[in-house]
PDB file of all heavy atoms in Angstrom:
ATOM      1  N   TYR A   1       0.825  -1.204   0.000  1.00  0.00           N
ATOM      2  CA  TYR A   1       0.000   0.000   0.000  1.00  0.00           C
ATOM      3  C   TYR A   1       0.860   1.255   0.000  1.00  0.00           C
ATOM      4  O   TYR A   1       0.563   2.234  -0.692  1.00  0.00           O
ATOM      5  CB  TYR A   1      -0.933   0.013   1.215  1.00  0.00           C
ATOM      6  CG  TYR A   1      -2.102  -0.938   1.132  1.00  0.00           C
ATOM      7  CD1 TYR A   1      -2.585  -1.588   2.270  1.00  0.00           C
ATOM      8  CD2 TYR A   1      -2.742  -1.183  -0.079  1.00  0.00           C
ATOM      9  CE1 TYR A   1      -3.665  -2.462   2.192  1.00  0.00           C
ATOM     10  CE2 TYR A   1      -3.815  -2.060  -0.158  1.00  0.00           C
ATOM     11  CZ  TYR A   1      -4.270  -2.698   0.981  1.00  0.00           C
ATOM     12  OH  TYR A   1      -5.341  -3.552   0.905  1.00  0.00           O
ATOM     13  N   GLU A   2       1.937   1.237   0.774  1.00  0.00           N
ATOM     14  CA  GLU A   2       2.821   2.407   0.827  1.00  0.00           C
ATOM     15  C   GLU A   2       3.514   2.626  -0.515  1.00  0.00           C
ATOM     16  O   GLU A   2       3.610   3.761  -0.999  1.00  0.00           O
ATOM     17  CB  GLU A   2       3.855   2.219   1.943  1.00  0.00           C
ATOM     18  CG  GLU A   2       3.270   2.293   3.339  1.00  0.00           C
ATOM     19  CD  GLU A   2       4.264   1.918   4.418  1.00  0.00           C
ATOM     20  OE1 GLU A   2       5.275   1.267   4.100  1.00  0.00           O
ATOM     21  OE2 GLU A   2       4.024   2.268   5.585  1.00  0.00           O
ATOM     22  N   ALA A   3       3.987   1.539  -1.124  1.00  0.00           N
ATOM     23  CA  ALA A   3       4.619   1.664  -2.438  1.00  0.00           C
ATOM     24  C   ALA A   3       3.625   2.181  -3.469  1.00  0.00           C
ATOM     25  O   ALA A   3       3.964   3.020  -4.318  1.00  0.00           O
ATOM     26  CB  ALA A   3       5.185   0.317  -2.870  1.00  0.00           C
ATOM     27  N   ALA A   4       2.384   1.689  -3.413  1.00  0.00           N
ATOM     28  CA  ALA A   4       1.364   2.140  -4.355  1.00  0.00           C
ATOM     29  C   ALA A   4       1.088   3.629  -4.188  1.00  0.00           C
ATOM     30  O   ALA A   4       0.959   4.357  -5.179  1.00  0.00           O
ATOM     31  CB  ALA A   4       0.082   1.333  -4.158  1.00  0.00           C
ATOM     32  N   PHE A   5       1.016   4.105  -2.955  1.00  0.00           N
ATOM     33  CA  PHE A   5       0.738   5.526  -2.751  1.00  0.00           C
ATOM     34  C   PHE A   5       1.897   6.379  -3.255  1.00  0.00           C
ATOM     35  O   PHE A   5       1.687   7.389  -3.931  1.00  0.00           O
ATOM     36  CB  PHE A   5       0.482   5.825  -1.280  1.00  0.00           C
ATOM     37  CG  PHE A   5       0.064   7.255  -1.048  1.00  0.00           C
ATOM     38  CD1 PHE A   5      -1.279   7.611  -1.099  1.00  0.00           C
ATOM     39  CD2 PHE A   5       1.005   8.238  -0.818  1.00  0.00           C
ATOM     40  CE1 PHE A   5      -1.667   8.928  -0.930  1.00  0.00           C
ATOM     41  CE2 PHE A   5       0.630   9.568  -0.642  1.00  0.00           C
ATOM     42  CZ  PHE A   5      -0.706   9.901  -0.694  1.00  0.00           C
ATOM     43  N   LEU A   6       3.117   5.989  -2.933  1.00  0.00           N
ATOM     44  CA  LEU A   6       4.267   6.776  -3.376  1.00  0.00           C
ATOM     45  C   LEU A   6       4.370   6.800  -4.894  1.00  0.00           C
ATOM     46  O   LEU A   6       4.784   7.800  -5.485  1.00  0.00           O
ATOM     47  CB  LEU A   6       5.554   6.207  -2.775  1.00  0.00           C
ATOM     48  CG  LEU A   6       5.717   6.342  -1.254  1.00  0.00           C
ATOM     49  CD1 LEU A   6       7.010   5.690  -0.806  1.00  0.00           C
ATOM     50  CD2 LEU A   6       5.684   7.807  -0.832  1.00  0.00           C
ATOM     51  N   ALA A   7       4.002   5.705  -5.551  1.00  0.00           N
ATOM     52  CA  ALA A   7       4.129   5.627  -7.005  1.00  0.00           C
ATOM     53  C   ALA A   7       2.954   6.255  -7.739  1.00  0.00           C
ATOM     54  O   ALA A   7       3.136   6.810  -8.832  1.00  0.00           O
ATOM     55  CB  ALA A   7       4.271   4.167  -7.437  1.00  0.00           C
ATOM     56  N   GLY A   8       1.754   6.182  -7.160  1.00  0.00           N
ATOM     57  CA  GLY A   8       0.592   6.647  -7.924  1.00  0.00           C
ATOM     58  C   GLY A   8      -0.499   7.314  -7.136  1.00  0.00           C
ATOM     59  O   GLY A   8      -1.555   7.619  -7.697  1.00  0.00           O
ATOM     60  N   GLY A   9      -0.298   7.523  -5.832  1.00  0.00           N
ATOM     61  CA  GLY A   9      -1.288   8.250  -5.056  1.00  0.00           C
ATOM     62  C   GLY A   9      -2.449   7.385  -4.590  1.00  0.00           C
ATOM     63  O   GLY A   9      -2.426   6.155  -4.701  1.00  0.00           O
ATOM     64  N   PRO A  10      -3.501   8.023  -4.071  1.00  0.00           N
ATOM     65  CA  PRO A  10      -4.611   7.274  -3.469  1.00  0.00           C
ATOM     66  C   PRO A  10      -5.362   6.386  -4.450  1.00  0.00           C
ATOM     67  O   PRO A  10      -5.819   5.307  -4.075  1.00  0.00           O
ATOM     68  CB  PRO A  10      -5.518   8.378  -2.899  1.00  0.00           C
ATOM     69  CG  PRO A  10      -5.105   9.629  -3.592  1.00  0.00           C
ATOM     70  CD  PRO A  10      -3.659   9.479  -3.903  1.00  0.00           C
ATOM     71  N   HIS A  11      -5.481   6.797  -5.713  1.00  0.00           N
ATOM     72  CA  HIS A  11      -6.180   5.947  -6.670  1.00  0.00           C
ATOM     73  C   HIS A  11      -5.401   4.656  -6.929  1.00  0.00           C
ATOM     74  O   HIS A  11      -6.001   3.600  -7.147  1.00  0.00           O
ATOM     75  CB  HIS A  11      -6.412   6.697  -7.984  1.00  0.00           C
ATOM     76  CG  HIS A  11      -7.575   7.617  -7.944  1.00  0.00           C
ATOM     77  ND1 HIS A  11      -7.514   8.871  -7.379  1.00  0.00           N
ATOM     78  CD2 HIS A  11      -8.868   7.473  -8.372  1.00  0.00           C
ATOM     79  CE1 HIS A  11      -8.695   9.458  -7.477  1.00  0.00           C
ATOM     80  NE2 HIS A  11      -9.531   8.632  -8.053  1.00  0.00           N
ATOM     81  N   ARG A  12      -4.070   4.733  -6.887  1.00  0.00           N
ATOM     82  CA  ARG A  12      -3.269   3.526  -7.066  1.00  0.00           C
ATOM     83  C   ARG A  12      -3.477   2.564  -5.897  1.00  0.00           C
ATOM     84  O   ARG A  12      -3.503   1.350  -6.084  1.00  0.00           O
ATOM     85  CB  ARG A  12      -1.793   3.907  -7.199  1.00  0.00           C
ATOM     86  CG  ARG A  12      -0.838   2.754  -7.451  1.00  0.00           C
ATOM     87  CD  ARG A  12      -0.949   2.185  -8.857  1.00  0.00           C
ATOM     88  NE  ARG A  12      -0.640   3.171  -9.866  1.00  0.00           N
ATOM     89  CZ  ARG A  12       0.601   3.543 -10.251  1.00  0.00           C
ATOM     90  NH1 ARG A  12       1.658   2.976  -9.685  1.00  0.00           N
ATOM     91  NH2 ARG A  12       0.785   4.427 -11.200  1.00  0.00           N
ATOM     92  N   VAL A  13      -3.614   3.099  -4.688  1.00  0.00           N
ATOM     93  CA  VAL A  13      -3.879   2.251  -3.523  1.00  0.00           C
ATOM     94  C   VAL A  13      -5.217   1.528  -3.699  1.00  0.00           C
ATOM     95  O   VAL A  13      -5.333   0.324  -3.435  1.00  0.00           O
ATOM     96  CB  VAL A  13      -3.877   3.070  -2.222  1.00  0.00           C
ATOM     97  CG1 VAL A  13      -4.220   2.186  -1.024  1.00  0.00           C
ATOM     98  CG2 VAL A  13      -2.526   3.735  -2.006  1.00  0.00           C
ATOM     99  N   ALA A  14      -6.240   2.264  -4.138  1.00  0.00           N
ATOM    100  CA  ALA A  14      -7.552   1.646  -4.352  1.00  0.00           C
ATOM    101  C   ALA A  14      -7.482   0.574  -5.433  1.00  0.00           C
ATOM    102  O   ALA A  14      -8.073  -0.507  -5.295  1.00  0.00           O
ATOM    103  CB  ALA A  14      -8.569   2.722  -4.726  1.00  0.00           C
ATOM    104  N   GLU A  15      -6.764   0.840  -6.510  1.00  0.00           N
ATOM    105  CA  GLU A  15      -6.610  -0.161  -7.571  1.00  0.00           C
ATOM    106  C   GLU A  15      -5.874  -1.399  -7.062  1.00  0.00           C
ATOM    107  O   GLU A  15      -6.237  -2.533  -7.413  1.00  0.00           O
ATOM    108  CB  GLU A  15      -5.859   0.450  -8.751  1.00  0.00           C
ATOM    109  CG  GLU A  15      -6.668   1.465  -9.523  1.00  0.00           C
ATOM    110  CD  GLU A  15      -5.866   2.161 -10.601  1.00  0.00           C
ATOM    111  OE1 GLU A  15      -4.612   2.081 -10.574  1.00  0.00           O
ATOM    112  OE2 GLU A  15      -6.486   2.792 -11.475  1.00  0.00           O
ATOM    113  N   LEU A  16      -4.866  -1.182  -6.246  1.00  0.00           N
ATOM    114  CA  LEU A  16      -4.133  -2.315  -5.681  1.00  0.00           C
ATOM    115  C   LEU A  16      -5.045  -3.193  -4.839  1.00  0.00           C
ATOM    116  O   LEU A  16      -4.999  -4.426  -4.933  1.00  0.00           O
ATOM    117  CB  LEU A  16      -2.964  -1.803  -4.841  1.00  0.00           C
ATOM    118  CG  LEU A  16      -2.166  -2.873  -4.093  1.00  0.00           C
ATOM    119  CD1 LEU A  16      -1.459  -3.810  -5.054  1.00  0.00           C
ATOM    120  CD2 LEU A  16      -1.152  -2.222  -3.146  1.00  0.00           C
ATOM    121  N   ALA A  17      -5.891  -2.560  -4.012  1.00  0.00           N
ATOM    122  CA  ALA A  17      -6.821  -3.329  -3.188  1.00  0.00           C
ATOM    123  C   ALA A  17      -7.799  -4.118  -4.063  1.00  0.00           C
ATOM    124  O   ALA A  17      -8.087  -5.291  -3.791  1.00  0.00           O
ATOM    125  CB  ALA A  17      -7.569  -2.402  -2.237  1.00  0.00           C
ATOM    126  N   LEU A  18      -8.298  -3.501  -5.120  1.00  0.00           N
ATOM    127  CA  LEU A  18      -9.224  -4.182  -6.025  1.00  0.00           C
ATOM    128  C   LEU A  18      -8.563  -5.391  -6.679  1.00  0.00           C
ATOM    129  O   LEU A  18      -9.138  -6.483  -6.722  1.00  0.00           O
ATOM    130  CB  LEU A  18      -9.714  -3.204  -7.103  1.00  0.00           C
ATOM    131  CG  LEU A  18     -10.729  -2.148  -6.661  1.00  0.00           C
ATOM    132  CD1 LEU A  18     -10.860  -1.061  -7.718  1.00  0.00           C
ATOM    133  CD2 LEU A  18     -12.093  -2.785  -6.397  1.00  0.00           C
ATOM    134  N   VAL A  19      -7.342  -5.197  -7.173  1.00  0.00           N
ATOM    135  CA  VAL A  19      -6.639  -6.303  -7.838  1.00  0.00           C
ATOM    136  C   VAL A  19      -6.301  -7.396  -6.835  1.00  0.00           C
ATOM    137  O   VAL A  19      -6.436  -8.594  -7.125  1.00  0.00           O
ATOM    138  CB  VAL A  19      -5.368  -5.788  -8.533  1.00  0.00           C
ATOM    139  CG1 VAL A  19      -4.549  -6.948  -9.087  1.00  0.00           C
ATOM    140  CG2 VAL A  19      -5.731  -4.828  -9.651  1.00  0.00           C
ATOM    141  N   SER A  20      -5.864  -7.033  -5.644  1.00  0.00           N
ATOM    142  CA  SER A  20      -5.533  -8.024  -4.620  1.00  0.00           C
ATOM    143  C   SER A  20      -6.748  -8.879  -4.273  1.00  0.00           C
ATOM    144  O   SER A  20      -6.657 -10.111  -4.188  1.00  0.00           O
ATOM    145  CB  SER A  20      -5.013  -7.302  -3.370  1.00  0.00           C
ATOM    146  OG  SER A  20      -4.778  -8.213  -2.327  1.00  0.00           O
ATOM    147  N   MET A  21      -7.897  -8.254  -4.093  1.00  0.00           N
ATOM    148  CA  MET A  21      -9.107  -9.002  -3.756  1.00  0.00           C
ATOM    149  C   MET A  21      -9.550  -9.864  -4.922  1.00  0.00           C
ATOM    150  O   MET A  21     -10.063 -10.981  -4.732  1.00  0.00           O
ATOM    151  CB  MET A  21     -10.210  -8.020  -3.343  1.00  0.00           C
ATOM    152  CG  MET A  21      -9.871  -7.219  -2.090  1.00  0.00           C
ATOM    153  SD  MET A  21     -11.077  -5.931  -1.719  1.00  0.00           S
ATOM    154  CE  MET A  21     -12.446  -6.931  -1.117  1.00  0.00           C
ATOM    155  N   HIS A  22      -9.354  -9.380  -6.151  1.00  0.00           N
ATOM    156  CA  HIS A  22      -9.723 -10.158  -7.331  1.00  0.00           C
ATOM    157  C   HIS A  22      -8.843 -11.402  -7.463  1.00  0.00           C
ATOM    158  O   HIS A  22      -9.348 -12.509  -7.719  1.00  0.00           O
ATOM    159  CB  HIS A  22      -9.584  -9.275  -8.573  1.00  0.00           C
ATOM    160  CG  HIS A  22      -9.744 -10.015  -9.870  1.00  0.00           C
ATOM    161  ND1 HIS A  22     -10.968 -10.398 -10.364  1.00  0.00           N
ATOM    162  CD2 HIS A  22      -8.821 -10.448 -10.771  1.00  0.00           C
ATOM    163  CE1 HIS A  22     -10.814 -11.028 -11.511  1.00  0.00           C
ATOM    164  NE2 HIS A  22      -9.516 -11.078 -11.778  1.00  0.00           N
ATOM    165  N   LEU A  23      -7.539 -11.253  -7.273  1.00  0.00           N
ATOM    166  CA  LEU A  23      -6.621 -12.386  -7.418  1.00  0.00           C
ATOM    167  C   LEU A  23      -6.832 -13.431  -6.338  1.00  0.00           C
ATOM    168  O   LEU A  23      -6.561 -14.619  -6.559  1.00  0.00           O
ATOM    169  CB  LEU A  23      -5.172 -11.886  -7.394  1.00  0.00           C
ATOM    170  CG  LEU A  23      -4.734 -11.013  -8.574  1.00  0.00           C
ATOM    171  CD1 LEU A  23      -3.303 -10.545  -8.391  1.00  0.00           C
ATOM    172  CD2 LEU A  23      -4.887 -11.753  -9.889  1.00  0.00           C
ATOM    173  N   ARG A  24      -7.304 -13.008  -5.175  1.00  0.00           N
ATOM    174  CA  ARG A  24      -7.534 -13.936  -4.068  1.00  0.00           C
ATOM    175  C   ARG A  24      -8.992 -14.391  -3.999  1.00  0.00           C
ATOM    176  O   ARG A  24      -9.440 -14.897  -2.971  1.00  0.00           O
ATOM    177  CB  ARG A  24      -7.095 -13.288  -2.753  1.00  0.00           C
ATOM    178  CG  ARG A  24      -5.575 -13.108  -2.682  1.00  0.00           C
ATOM    179  CD  ARG A  24      -5.125 -12.439  -1.403  1.00  0.00           C
ATOM    180  NE  ARG A  24      -3.682 -12.507  -1.255  1.00  0.00           N
ATOM    181  CZ  ARG A  24      -2.825 -11.625  -1.775  1.00  0.00           C
ATOM    182  NH1 ARG A  24      -3.305 -10.587  -2.458  1.00  0.00           N
ATOM    183  NH2 ARG A  24      -1.527 -11.760  -1.626  1.00  0.00           N
ATOM    184  N   ARG A  25      -9.737 -14.164  -5.081  1.00  0.00           N
ATOM    185  CA  ARG A  25     -11.116 -14.628  -5.223  1.00  0.00           C
ATOM    186  C   ARG A  25     -12.043 -14.062  -4.144  1.00  0.00           C
ATOM    187  O   ARG A  25     -13.005 -14.699  -3.753  1.00  0.00           O
ATOM    188  CB  ARG A  25     -11.176 -16.170  -5.190  1.00  0.00           C
ATOM    189  CG  ARG A  25     -10.333 -16.854  -6.236  1.00  0.00           C
ATOM    190  CD  ARG A  25     -10.850 -16.567  -7.642  1.00  0.00           C
ATOM    191  NE  ARG A  25     -10.171 -17.363  -8.639  1.00  0.00           N
ATOM    192  CZ  ARG A  25      -9.087 -16.985  -9.305  1.00  0.00           C
ATOM    193  NH1 ARG A  25      -8.567 -15.785  -9.066  1.00  0.00           N
ATOM    194  NH2 ARG A  25      -8.529 -17.754 -10.207  1.00  0.00           N
ATOM    195  N   ARG A  26     -11.735 -12.879  -3.673  1.00  0.00           N
ATOM    196  CA  ARG A  26     -12.616 -12.215  -2.713  1.00  0.00           C
ATOM    197  C   ARG A  26     -13.518 -11.210  -3.418  1.00  0.00           C
ATOM    198  O   ARG A  26     -14.484 -10.706  -2.850  1.00  0.00           O
ATOM    199  CB  ARG A  26     -11.780 -11.506  -1.650  1.00  0.00           C
ATOM    200  CG  ARG A  26     -10.747 -12.394  -0.989  1.00  0.00           C
ATOM    201  CD  ARG A  26      -9.785 -11.624  -0.133  1.00  0.00           C
ATOM    202  NE  ARG A  26     -10.421 -11.212   1.098  1.00  0.00           N
ATOM    203  CZ  ARG A  26     -10.491 -11.986   2.175  1.00  0.00           C
ATOM    204  NH1 ARG A  26      -9.983 -13.203   2.155  1.00  0.00           N
ATOM    205  NH2 ARG A  26     -11.068 -11.556   3.262  1.00  0.00           N
ATOM    206  N   LEU A  27     -13.167 -10.943  -4.675  1.00  0.00           N
ATOM    207  CA  LEU A  27     -13.884  -9.963  -5.479  1.00  0.00           C
ATOM    208  C   LEU A  27     -13.741 -10.386  -6.932  1.00  0.00           C
ATOM    209  O   LEU A  27     -12.704 -10.939  -7.330  1.00  0.00           O
ATOM    210  CB  LEU A  27     -13.258  -8.568  -5.279  1.00  0.00           C
ATOM    211  CG  LEU A  27     -14.075  -7.335  -5.686  1.00  0.00           C
ATOM    212  CD1 LEU A  27     -15.253  -7.156  -4.745  1.00  0.00           C
ATOM    213  CD2 LEU A  27     -13.175  -6.095  -5.614  1.00  0.00           C
ATOM    214  N   LEU A  28     -14.775 -10.158  -7.714  1.00  0.00           N
ATOM    215  CA  LEU A  28     -14.716 -10.462  -9.142  1.00  0.00           C
ATOM    216  C   LEU A  28     -14.748  -9.148  -9.917  1.00  0.00           C
ATOM    217  O   LEU A  28     -15.694  -8.369  -9.798  1.00  0.00           O
ATOM    218  CB  LEU A  28     -15.900 -11.350  -9.549  1.00  0.00           C
ATOM    219  CG  LEU A  28     -16.036 -11.612 -11.055  1.00  0.00           C
ATOM    220  CD1 LEU A  28     -14.821 -12.372 -11.575  1.00  0.00           C
ATOM    221  CD2 LEU A  28     -17.320 -12.382 -11.351  1.00  0.00           C
ATOM    222  N   LEU A  29     -13.691  -8.923 -10.692  1.00  0.00           N
ATOM    223  CA  LEU A  29     -13.620  -7.743 -11.559  1.00  0.00           C
ATOM    224  C   LEU A  29     -13.875  -8.201 -12.987  1.00  0.00           C
ATOM    225  O   LEU A  29     -13.038  -8.874 -13.597  1.00  0.00           O
ATOM    226  CB  LEU A  29     -12.249  -7.072 -11.448  1.00  0.00           C
ATOM    227  CG  LEU A  29     -11.827  -6.583 -10.058  1.00  0.00           C
ATOM    228  CD1 LEU A  29     -10.446  -5.940 -10.124  1.00  0.00           C
ATOM    229  CD2 LEU A  29     -12.852  -5.598  -9.503  1.00  0.00           C
ATOM    230  N   ALA A  30     -15.022  -7.868 -13.511  1.00  0.00           N
ATOM    231  CA  ALA A  30     -15.378  -8.272 -14.866  1.00  0.00           C
ATOM    232  C   ALA A  30     -14.825  -7.272 -15.872  1.00  0.00           C
ATOM    233  O   ALA A  30     -14.685  -6.080 -15.583  1.00  0.00           O
ATOM    234  CB  ALA A  30     -16.899  -8.345 -15.004  1.00  0.00           C
TER     235      ALA A  30
END
């Protein structure tokens, strides 16, 4: 999360969370 914020700000953190949940089958991103 810290690396994501430093590299791309708050939207990058949100995208990281979305991708993490998708890869771990906690969320489906169509």
